[in-house]
Amino acid sequence: MSWPTRWSPRSGGSASRVESRGPGDEFVLALVGPLTSGLLAGLFGITAGLGRDVLSRPLAGTLGHLAWTNLVLAAFNLVPGFPLDGGRLLRAAICKATGSLGRATQIASLAGQGVGWLLVAAGVASLLAGDLAGGI
């Protein structure tokens, strides 16, 4: 199975149609989302830190919260579970290494299922530890 010449990712990251020429383009496109979140985290964090004396306390706190939220979002999107951006990065790397989009999709999908089961296990562990809200 070869890489399609016209491919539209539906797994998040970018909602626009993409003219993909192969796994390299997929890799770059999947990397843009987490990099953007990381950049926003840095900008919000720097603004909150440098503006602490100039900005109101609630505004500086909000900017700090936005920095952490974007940092967590960037990290979560890099988890190598398809269809997250990290899974798309994994699929592109495997496709580049093997030359098979089908095999790469299968492996990345299995990784995504593994990530999903780990999240379920973490929720069950939280429930068993008595944290009803966190477990759900």
Protein backbone atom coordinates (compact mmCIF):
# COMPACT_ATOMS: atom_id res chain seq x y z
CA MET A 1 0.00 0.00 0.00
CA SER A 2 1.53 3.30 -1.02
CA TRP A 3 1.00 6.70 0.56
CA PRO A 4 -2.05 8.38 -1.00
CA THR A 5 -1.39 11.40 -3.19
CA ARG A 6 -4.37 13.27 -1.74
CA TRP A 7 -5.02 12.66 1.91
CA SER A 8 -7.14 14.48 4.48
CA PRO A 9 -6.31 13.69 8.11
CA ARG A 10 -9.40 13.45 10.29
CA SER A 11 -7.57 12.78 13.51
CA GLY A 12 -7.19 16.34 14.71
CA GLY A 13 -4.23 18.61 14.36
CA SER A 14 -5.37 20.33 11.18
CA ALA A 15 -8.88 20.51 9.80
CA SER A 16 -7.79 21.66 6.36
CA ARG A 17 -7.25 19.41 3.38
CA VAL A 18 -3.63 18.52 2.97
CA GLU A 19 -1.74 17.73 -0.17
CA SER A 20 0.55 15.12 1.31
CA ARG A 21 3.54 13.82 -0.56
CA GLY A 22 4.42 11.15 1.95
CA PRO A 23 5.30 10.37 5.53
CA GLY A 24 7.64 13.36 5.81
CA ASP A 25 4.76 15.77 5.21
CA GLU A 26 2.60 13.83 7.68
CA PHE A 27 5.37 14.05 10.28
CA VAL A 28 5.74 17.82 9.88
CA LEU A 29 1.98 18.40 9.94
CA ALA A 30 1.53 16.29 13.09
CA LEU A 31 4.36 18.15 14.81
CA VAL A 32 2.84 21.59 14.23
CA GLY A 33 0.05 21.18 16.82
CA PRO A 34 2.23 20.21 19.79
CA LEU A 35 4.86 22.79 18.82
CA THR A 36 2.18 25.49 18.70
CA SER A 37 0.89 24.47 22.13
CA GLY A 38 4.46 24.50 23.45
CA LEU A 39 5.10 27.93 21.97
CA LEU A 40 1.89 29.28 23.50
CA ALA A 41 2.87 27.77 26.86
CA GLY A 42 6.19 29.57 26.69
CA LEU A 43 4.66 32.88 25.69
CA PHE A 44 1.98 32.73 28.39
CA GLY A 45 4.54 31.67 30.99
CA ILE A 46 7.00 34.42 30.10
CA THR A 47 4.25 37.04 30.04
CA ALA A 48 2.93 35.86 33.42
CA GLY A 49 6.41 35.85 34.93
CA LEU A 50 7.63 39.17 33.55
CA GLY A 51 4.28 40.88 34.01
CA ARG A 52 3.78 39.76 37.59
CA ASP A 53 4.56 43.24 38.92
CA VAL A 54 2.71 45.10 36.16
CA LEU A 55 -0.38 42.95 35.60
CA SER A 56 -3.18 42.40 38.06
CA ARG A 57 -2.85 39.26 40.14
CA PRO A 58 -5.90 37.55 38.52
CA LEU A 59 -4.58 38.28 35.01
CA ALA A 60 -1.08 37.00 35.82
CA GLY A 61 -2.64 33.90 37.41
CA THR A 62 -4.79 33.30 34.34
CA LEU A 63 -1.77 33.59 32.05
CA GLY A 64 0.15 31.15 34.26
CA HIS A 65 -2.77 28.72 34.12
CA LEU A 66 -2.91 29.04 30.32
CA ALA A 67 0.82 28.29 30.18
CA TRP A 68 0.39 25.03 32.17
CA THR A 69 -2.72 24.06 30.21
CA ASN A 70 -0.91 24.45 26.88
CA LEU A 71 2.12 22.59 28.20
CA VAL A 72 -0.04 19.64 29.30
CA LEU A 73 -1.88 19.73 25.97
CA ALA A 74 1.39 19.62 24.04
CA ALA A 75 2.65 16.69 26.14
CA PHE A 76 -0.64 14.78 25.82
CA ASN A 77 -0.72 15.27 22.05
CA LEU A 78 2.77 13.78 21.81
CA VAL A 79 1.64 10.51 23.44
CA PRO A 80 2.35 7.92 20.72
CA GLY A 81 -1.23 6.71 20.37
CA PHE A 82 -3.01 7.08 17.06
CA PRO A 83 -5.01 9.29 16.34
CA LEU A 84 -3.21 11.78 18.60
CA ASP A 85 -0.46 13.80 16.95
CA GLY A 86 2.12 11.57 18.63
CA GLY A 87 0.48 8.55 17.00
CA ARG A 88 0.58 10.29 13.66
CA LEU A 89 4.29 11.01 14.21
CA LEU A 90 4.80 7.34 15.06
CA ARG A 91 2.87 6.22 11.96
CA ALA A 92 4.86 8.54 9.70
CA ALA A 93 8.17 7.30 11.16
CA ILE A 94 7.16 3.65 10.78
CA CYS A 95 5.91 4.26 7.24
CA LYS A 96 9.19 5.95 6.36
CA ALA A 97 11.15 3.02 7.83
CA THR A 98 9.05 0.20 6.35
CA GLY A 99 7.58 1.78 3.23
CA SER A 100 4.17 0.39 4.16
CA LEU A 101 1.36 2.76 5.13
CA GLY A 102 -0.91 -0.17 6.03
CA ARG A 103 1.61 -1.72 8.42
CA ALA A 104 2.43 1.69 9.91
CA THR A 105 -1.27 2.43 10.47
CA GLN A 106 -1.76 -0.98 12.08
CA ILE A 107 1.13 -0.47 14.51
CA ALA A 108 0.16 3.11 15.35
CA SER A 109 -3.45 2.01 15.91
CA LEU A 110 -2.30 -0.73 18.28
CA ALA A 111 -0.25 1.86 20.16
CA GLY A 112 -3.37 4.04 20.37
CA GLN A 113 -5.35 1.13 21.78
CA GLY A 114 -2.60 0.53 24.32
CA VAL A 115 -2.72 4.17 25.40
CA GLY A 116 -6.50 3.94 25.68
CA TRP A 117 -6.30 0.84 27.89
CA LEU A 118 -3.70 2.51 30.09
CA LEU A 119 -6.08 5.44 30.58
CA VAL A 120 -8.90 3.01 31.47
CA ALA A 121 -6.60 1.24 33.95
CA ALA A 122 -5.65 4.57 35.53
CA GLY A 123 -9.34 5.43 35.90
CA VAL A 124 -10.10 2.06 37.52
CA ALA A 125 -7.14 2.49 39.86
CA SER A 126 -8.45 5.94 40.86
CA LEU A 127 -11.89 4.46 41.51
CA LEU A 128 -10.43 1.67 43.63
CA ALA A 129 -8.39 4.23 45.58
CA GLY A 130 -11.64 6.01 46.48
CA ASP A 131 -11.40 8.93 44.04
CA LEU A 132 -14.82 8.68 42.39
CA ALA A 133 -14.53 11.91 40.38
CA GLY A 134 -10.96 11.18 39.23
CA GLY A 135 -11.83 7.60 38.36
CA ILE A 136 -14.72 8.62 36.17
